[in-house]
Amino acid sequence: MIGRREFIALLGGAAAWPLVARAQQGERVRRVGVLMFTAADDPYGRKSVKAFQEGLQELGWMEGRNIQIEIRWAPNVESLQRLAKELVTLQPDVIVAPTTSATRSILEQTRTVPLIFVVANDPVGSGFVQSFARPGGNVTGFINMEPTMAGKWLELLKEIAPRVNSVAFLFNPTTAPYFEYYMGHFKAAAPSFGIKAIAANIRDMSEVESVVASQAREPNGSFIVMPDSFTFTHRAEVTLLAARYRLPAVYPFYQFPEIGGLISYGPVLVDQYRRTATYVDRILKGAKPSELPVQAPVKFEMVINLTTARAIGVTIPEPLLIRADRVIE
């Protein structure tokens, strides 16, 4: 037996059930496409997608309720175009393209579906947007980093290895057609550090080893890795080569020192994915990409692998260790 008040409350709740059900049934499920330029089992790729999903959840977008996320994993350049076409065919409300190459692949398929890049390099020079303040088309997003970072990497290298006087800048022109974006600043900064700047144009791992071996034959050679999906995908092989030839090297992302690279300085990429969720939210609520300015990273970190430093005979200055956000031992 229940009391009169409880009975009335129960009736009121029962009357509301059909309304709740109709509201849930009538809620439009939005579709978001994501074209990841990594293999499906890549730890960084998985971590990035998770950060993006969490960012959407914090804004009220729940998978299975009001949003459906279609993820396609492209482990190589050959699969990018095919998967880009597949995503566009699904007619999503918005597409997220993490890299410059992924962005270009999507834009070759559509100039109407809203598109957000997560870490694009030189979006103006690449023809993605008209300007940072006024993108002007169906695409906007977040840049990887400013081109002046090339000078910062040289500065870090000289702090770690003061005698270095020959530095190769590694990039693959196929996956980094924007290389001049960084190369100009790299060459401009080199003379002030007494460094011979070398543009190391590489297309496969055999050419990477050739460049690294050549720098190892120099009395004070070294190399810096340009932000590039090719070198990022092959980060394990690149860091192993640096260790084998005992060369000090600087990398753009923390994923390199985590697996044996000496030092990295660059943006916190996972944070870029969380920020991307805010732009997806705004577009799903009616904003146009042309009205959303392209933004620069806000979080940067320096990571040093002290074990690698000892292994290759490099002494990291104490002030640099203090400045580091993370030291791996």
Protein backbone atom coordinates (compact mmCIF):
# COMPACT_ATOMS: atom_id res chain seq x y z
CA MET A 1 0.00 0.00 0.00
CA ILE A 2 1.22 3.54 -0.78
CA GLY A 3 0.01 6.87 0.57
CA ARG A 4 -2.20 9.30 -1.35
CA ARG A 5 0.62 11.78 -1.96
CA GLU A 6 2.97 9.06 -3.25
CA PHE A 7 0.20 7.74 -5.53
CA ILE A 8 -0.43 11.19 -7.04
CA ALA A 9 3.30 11.73 -7.52
CA LEU A 10 3.59 8.37 -9.24
CA LEU A 11 0.72 9.24 -11.60
CA GLY A 12 2.36 12.57 -12.43
CA GLY A 13 5.64 10.86 -13.21
CA ALA A 14 3.93 8.26 -15.37
CA ALA A 15 2.20 10.99 -17.34
CA ALA A 16 5.58 12.55 -18.08
CA TRP A 17 7.16 9.34 -19.38
CA PRO A 18 5.74 9.59 -22.93
CA LEU A 19 6.94 13.21 -23.14
CA VAL A 20 10.49 12.21 -22.15
CA ALA A 21 10.47 9.35 -24.66
CA ARG A 22 9.23 11.62 -27.45
CA ALA A 23 11.92 14.22 -26.62
CA GLN A 24 14.65 11.58 -26.81
CA GLN A 25 13.27 10.15 -30.06
CA GLY A 26 12.96 13.60 -31.59
CA GLU A 27 16.53 14.69 -30.68
CA ARG A 28 18.58 14.90 -33.85
CA VAL A 29 21.73 12.81 -33.88
CA ARG A 30 24.58 14.76 -35.47
CA ARG A 31 27.34 13.02 -37.38
CA VAL A 32 31.02 13.94 -37.06
CA GLY A 33 33.72 12.45 -39.28
CA VAL A 34 37.33 12.10 -38.09
CA LEU A 35 40.20 11.21 -40.45
CA MET A 36 43.15 10.11 -38.33
CA PHE A 37 46.53 9.91 -40.07
CA THR A 38 47.81 7.09 -37.85
CA ALA A 39 47.30 3.36 -37.58
CA ALA A 40 44.30 2.23 -35.52
CA ASP A 41 46.59 0.77 -32.84
CA ASP A 42 48.82 3.85 -32.52
CA PRO A 43 48.81 4.87 -28.80
CA TYR A 44 49.05 8.57 -29.62
CA GLY A 45 46.16 8.35 -32.07
CA ARG A 46 43.97 6.59 -29.53
CA LYS A 47 44.87 9.09 -26.81
CA SER A 48 44.07 12.00 -29.13
CA VAL A 49 40.68 10.63 -30.13
CA LYS A 50 39.84 10.03 -26.48
CA ALA A 51 40.69 13.66 -25.62
CA PHE A 52 38.46 14.84 -28.48
CA GLN A 53 35.58 12.64 -27.32
CA GLU A 54 35.97 13.82 -23.74
CA GLY A 55 35.96 17.42 -24.93
CA LEU A 56 32.66 16.84 -26.74
CA GLN A 57 31.15 15.12 -23.70
CA GLU A 58 32.01 18.11 -21.53
CA LEU A 59 29.99 20.22 -23.98
CA GLY A 60 26.98 17.91 -23.81
CA TRP A 61 27.59 15.74 -26.88
CA MET A 62 27.11 12.09 -25.99
CA GLU A 63 27.73 9.26 -28.44
CA GLY A 64 24.63 7.14 -28.86
CA ARG A 65 22.39 9.99 -27.76
CA ASN A 66 22.91 13.14 -29.81
CA ILE A 67 26.13 12.52 -31.75
CA GLN A 68 27.71 9.79 -33.85
CA ILE A 69 31.47 9.89 -34.47
CA GLU A 70 32.75 8.15 -37.60
CA ILE A 71 36.49 7.52 -37.28
CA ARG A 72 38.69 6.39 -40.15
CA TRP A 73 42.31 5.37 -39.50
CA ALA A 74 44.76 6.02 -42.33
CA PRO A 75 48.12 4.38 -41.57
CA ASN A 76 49.74 5.71 -44.77
CA VAL A 77 49.41 8.30 -47.52
CA GLU A 78 47.90 5.79 -49.94
CA SER A 79 44.85 5.22 -47.74
CA LEU A 80 44.18 8.90 -47.00
CA GLN A 81 42.39 9.74 -50.24
CA ARG A 82 40.20 6.65 -50.17
CA LEU A 83 39.13 7.18 -46.56
CA ALA A 84 38.59 10.90 -47.12
CA LYS A 85 36.15 10.09 -49.91
CA GLU A 86 34.45 7.50 -47.70
CA LEU A 87 33.90 10.05 -44.93
CA VAL A 88 32.53 12.72 -47.26
CA THR A 89 30.12 10.18 -48.77
CA LEU A 90 28.58 9.77 -45.29
CA GLN A 91 27.52 13.45 -45.46
CA PRO A 92 28.59 14.34 -41.92
CA ASP A 93 27.72 17.66 -40.28
CA VAL A 94 31.42 18.38 -39.76
CA ILE A 95 34.74 16.64 -40.41
CA VAL A 96 37.89 16.77 -38.25
CA ALA A 97 41.23 16.36 -40.04
CA PRO A 98 44.18 16.21 -37.63
CA THR A 99 47.05 16.87 -40.05
CA THR A 100 47.91 18.98 -43.06
CA SER A 101 47.84 15.92 -45.34
CA ALA A 102 44.46 14.78 -44.00
CA THR A 103 43.06 18.29 -44.45
CA ARG A 104 44.22 18.42 -48.06
CA SER A 105 42.68 15.01 -48.75
CA ILE A 106 39.29 16.10 -47.41
CA LEU A 107 39.37 19.40 -49.31
CA GLU A 108 39.97 17.50 -52.53
CA GLN A 109 36.62 15.81 -51.90
CA THR A 110 34.49 18.72 -50.64
CA ARG A 111 34.45 22.48 -50.36
CA THR A 112 31.09 22.60 -48.61
CA VAL A 113 31.18 20.24 -45.60
CA PRO A 114 32.56 22.15 -42.56
CA LEU A 115 36.13 21.03 -41.86
CA ILE A 116 38.33 21.60 -38.81
CA PHE A 117 42.07 20.89 -38.81
CA VAL A 118 43.77 20.08 -35.51
CA VAL A 119 47.48 20.67 -36.17
CA ALA A 120 47.87 22.05 -39.68
CA ASN A 121 51.13 23.61 -40.84
CA ASP A 122 50.94 26.87 -42.80
CA PRO A 123 47.18 26.77 -43.56
CA VAL A 124 47.38 30.05 -45.49
CA GLY A 125 50.31 28.98 -47.66
CA SER A 126 48.67 25.59 -48.15
CA GLY A 127 45.56 27.29 -49.52
CA PHE A 128 43.25 26.05 -46.77
CA VAL A 129 42.23 29.50 -45.50
CA GLN A 130 42.47 33.09 -46.71
CA SER A 131 43.79 34.38 -43.38
CA PHE A 132 43.87 33.42 -39.72
CA ALA A 133 41.32 36.06 -38.75
CA ARG A 134 38.97 35.38 -41.67
CA PRO A 135 39.32 31.82 -43.00
CA GLY A 136 36.74 32.55 -45.68
CA GLY A 137 35.70 29.05 -46.73
CA ASN A 138 34.47 25.78 -45.26
CA VAL A 139 37.60 25.16 -43.18
CA THR A 140 39.23 26.52 -40.02
CA GLY A 141 41.05 25.11 -37.02
CA PHE A 142 44.34 25.16 -35.13
CA ILE A 143 47.90 25.45 -36.38
CA ASN A 144 50.68 23.12 -35.34
CA MET A 145 53.14 25.86 -34.34
CA GLU A 146 54.68 29.11 -35.52
CA PRO A 147 57.51 28.79 -38.07
CA THR A 148 59.85 30.68 -35.71
CA MET A 149 60.05 27.44 -33.68
CA ALA A 150 62.83 26.39 -36.06
CA GLY A 151 65.08 29.00 -34.45
CA LYS A 152 64.11 27.79 -30.98
CA TRP A 153 65.11 24.21 -31.85
CA LEU A 154 68.52 25.44 -33.01
CA GLU A 155 68.94 27.36 -29.76
CA LEU A 156 68.13 24.24 -27.72
CA LEU A 157 70.57 22.18 -29.74
CA LYS A 158 73.40 24.63 -29.08
CA GLU A 159 72.60 24.62 -25.37
CA ILE A 160 72.88 20.83 -25.29
CA ALA A 161 75.81 20.45 -27.70
CA PRO A 162 77.68 23.78 -27.98
CA ARG A 163 80.19 22.42 -30.50
CA VAL A 164 77.57 21.43 -33.07
CA ASN A 165 78.16 23.34 -36.31
CA SER A 166 76.33 21.28 -38.95
CA VAL A 167 72.61 20.58 -38.64
CA ALA A 168 70.36 18.70 -41.06
CA PHE A 169 66.65 19.58 -41.03
CA LEU A 170 64.74 16.35 -41.81
CA PHE A 171 61.50 16.46 -43.79
CA ASN A 172 59.61 14.48 -46.42
CA PRO A 173 58.39 16.84 -49.19
CA THR A 174 55.49 14.50 -49.96
CA THR A 175 53.98 14.72 -46.49
CA ALA A 176 55.44 18.14 -45.70
CA PRO A 177 54.90 20.25 -48.85
CA TYR A 178 54.86 23.24 -46.47
CA PHE A 179 58.57 22.70 -45.62
CA GLU A 180 59.54 26.25 -46.64
CA TYR A 181 57.27 27.48 -43.83
CA TYR A 182 59.93 26.28 -41.35
CA MET A 183 62.97 26.10 -43.61
CA GLY A 184 63.16 29.86 -44.15
CA HIS A 185 63.40 30.54 -40.41
CA PHE A 186 65.80 27.63 -39.94
CA LYS A 187 68.24 29.00 -42.52
CA ALA A 188 67.83 32.56 -41.28
CA ALA A 189 68.62 31.62 -37.66
CA ALA A 190 71.52 29.25 -38.37
CA PRO A 191 74.30 31.87 -38.97
CA SER A 192 73.70 33.51 -35.59
CA PHE A 193 74.52 30.15 -33.96
CA GLY A 194 77.51 29.46 -36.20
CA ILE A 195 75.70 26.57 -37.85
CA LYS A 196 75.68 25.27 -41.41
CA ALA A 197 72.02 24.61 -42.23
CA ILE A 198 71.26 21.58 -44.40
CA ALA A 199 67.86 20.91 -45.97
CA ALA A 200 67.56 17.12 -45.66
CA ASN A 201 64.98 16.08 -48.22
CA ILE A 202 64.07 12.47 -47.38
CA ARG A 203 61.36 10.20 -48.86
CA ASP A 204 61.92 6.87 -47.10
CA MET A 205 63.78 5.44 -44.14
CA SER A 206 66.83 4.47 -46.20
CA GLU A 207 67.32 8.14 -47.07
CA VAL A 208 66.86 9.09 -43.41
CA GLU A 209 69.67 6.72 -42.44
CA SER A 210 71.85 8.13 -45.20
CA VAL A 211 71.40 11.66 -43.84
CA VAL A 212 72.00 10.62 -40.22
CA ALA A 213 75.11 8.63 -41.17
CA SER A 214 76.42 11.62 -43.13
CA GLN A 215 75.93 13.91 -40.13
CA ALA A 216 77.67 11.36 -37.91
CA ARG A 217 80.74 11.58 -40.16
CA GLU A 218 80.88 15.32 -39.52
CA PRO A 219 83.05 16.28 -36.51
CA ASN A 220 80.13 18.10 -34.93
CA GLY A 221 77.05 17.07 -36.87
CA SER A 222 73.45 16.82 -35.73
CA PHE A 223 69.89 16.97 -36.99
CA ILE A 224 66.46 18.41 -36.21
CA VAL A 225 63.17 16.76 -37.16
CA MET A 226 60.58 18.98 -38.83
CA PRO A 227 56.90 18.54 -37.85
CA ASP A 228 55.87 16.02 -40.48
CA SER A 229 53.49 13.05 -40.45
CA PHE A 230 56.16 10.86 -42.12
CA THR A 231 58.80 11.41 -39.43
CA PHE A 232 56.13 11.17 -36.73
CA THR A 233 54.89 7.84 -38.05
CA HIS A 234 58.49 6.57 -38.18
CA ARG A 235 59.54 8.15 -34.89
CA ALA A 236 60.78 4.83 -33.46
CA GLU A 237 63.14 4.27 -36.40
CA VAL A 238 64.35 7.89 -36.38
CA THR A 239 65.21 7.90 -32.67
CA LEU A 240 66.94 4.51 -33.00
CA LEU A 241 69.14 5.91 -35.76
CA ALA A 242 70.09 8.89 -33.60
CA ALA A 243 71.04 6.53 -30.77
CA ARG A 244 72.98 4.18 -33.06
CA TYR A 245 75.06 7.03 -34.50
CA ARG A 246 75.26 8.82 -31.11
CA LEU A 247 73.96 12.09 -32.51
CA PRO A 248 72.27 14.82 -30.46
CA ALA A 249 68.93 15.66 -32.09
CA VAL A 250 65.93 17.87 -31.38
CA TYR A 251 62.35 16.81 -32.03
CA PRO A 252 59.06 18.74 -32.27
CA PHE A 253 56.90 16.48 -30.06
CA TYR A 254 57.21 14.66 -26.72
CA GLN A 255 56.40 11.31 -28.37
CA PHE A 256 60.03 11.20 -29.60
CA PRO A 257 61.86 11.42 -26.23
CA GLU A 258 59.29 9.07 -24.73
CA ILE A 259 60.74 6.32 -26.92
CA GLY A 260 64.41 7.33 -26.77
CA GLY A 261 64.79 10.71 -28.46
CA LEU A 262 67.03 13.24 -26.70
CA ILE A 263 64.86 16.35 -26.37
CA SER A 264 61.62 17.79 -27.73
CA TYR A 265 59.96 21.16 -27.61
CA GLY A 266 56.54 21.80 -29.08
CA PRO A 267 52.82 22.08 -28.46
CA VAL A 268 50.81 19.65 -26.36
CA LEU A 269 48.98 17.95 -29.22
CA VAL A 270 46.34 16.27 -27.08
CA ASP A 271 45.26 19.72 -25.90
CA GLN A 272 44.67 20.65 -29.55
CA TYR A 273 42.11 17.85 -29.81
CA ARG A 274 40.23 19.11 -26.78
CA ARG A 275 40.17 22.60 -28.27
CA THR A 276 38.96 21.17 -31.57
CA ALA A 277 35.88 19.85 -29.73
CA THR A 278 34.91 23.46 -28.92
CA TYR A 279 34.88 24.36 -32.64
CA VAL A 280 32.88 21.24 -33.50
CA ASP A 281 30.38 22.27 -30.81
CA ARG A 282 30.07 25.79 -32.25
CA ILE A 283 29.59 24.53 -35.81
CA LEU A 284 26.95 22.00 -34.74
CA LYS A 285 25.16 24.91 -33.06
CA GLY A 286 25.13 26.98 -36.24
CA ALA A 287 28.49 28.76 -36.53
CA LYS A 288 30.27 28.81 -39.91
CA PRO A 289 33.94 27.87 -40.32
CA SER A 290 34.53 31.09 -42.23
CA GLU A 291 33.62 33.02 -39.06
CA LEU A 292 35.87 31.05 -36.68
CA PRO A 293 39.48 32.32 -36.63
CA VAL A 294 42.41 29.96 -36.95
CA GLN A 295 44.11 29.65 -33.56
CA ALA A 296 47.66 28.95 -32.42
CA PRO A 297 48.65 26.44 -29.69
CA VAL A 298 48.46 27.67 -26.10
CA LYS A 299 50.27 24.86 -24.29
CA PHE A 300 53.90 23.94 -24.97
CA GLU A 301 56.25 21.53 -23.25
CA MET A 302 59.90 20.58 -23.19
CA VAL A 303 60.75 16.94 -22.55
CA ILE A 304 64.29 15.64 -21.99
CA ASN A 305 65.39 12.01 -21.96
CA LEU A 306 68.29 11.97 -19.52
CA THR A 307 68.98 8.29 -20.12
CA THR A 308 69.55 8.98 -23.81
CA ALA A 309 71.77 11.96 -22.99
CA ARG A 310 74.04 9.75 -20.89
CA ALA A 311 74.06 7.02 -23.54
CA ILE A 312 75.31 9.33 -26.30
CA GLY A 313 77.68 11.27 -24.03
CA VAL A 314 75.76 14.56 -23.81
CA THR A 315 75.63 16.58 -20.60
CA ILE A 316 72.38 18.50 -20.19
CA PRO A 317 72.99 21.90 -18.55
CA GLU A 318 71.32 22.27 -15.16
CA PRO A 319 69.35 25.41 -16.17
CA LEU A 320 67.82 23.46 -19.07
CA LEU A 321 66.84 20.59 -16.77
CA ILE A 322 65.12 23.08 -14.48
CA ARG A 323 63.21 24.59 -17.40
CA ALA A 324 62.08 21.20 -18.68
CA ASP A 325 58.44 20.26 -18.13
CA ARG A 326 59.40 16.60 -17.90
CA VAL A 327 62.66 14.69 -17.50
CA ILE A 328 62.72 11.00 -18.41
CA GLU A 329 65.23 8.83 -16.54
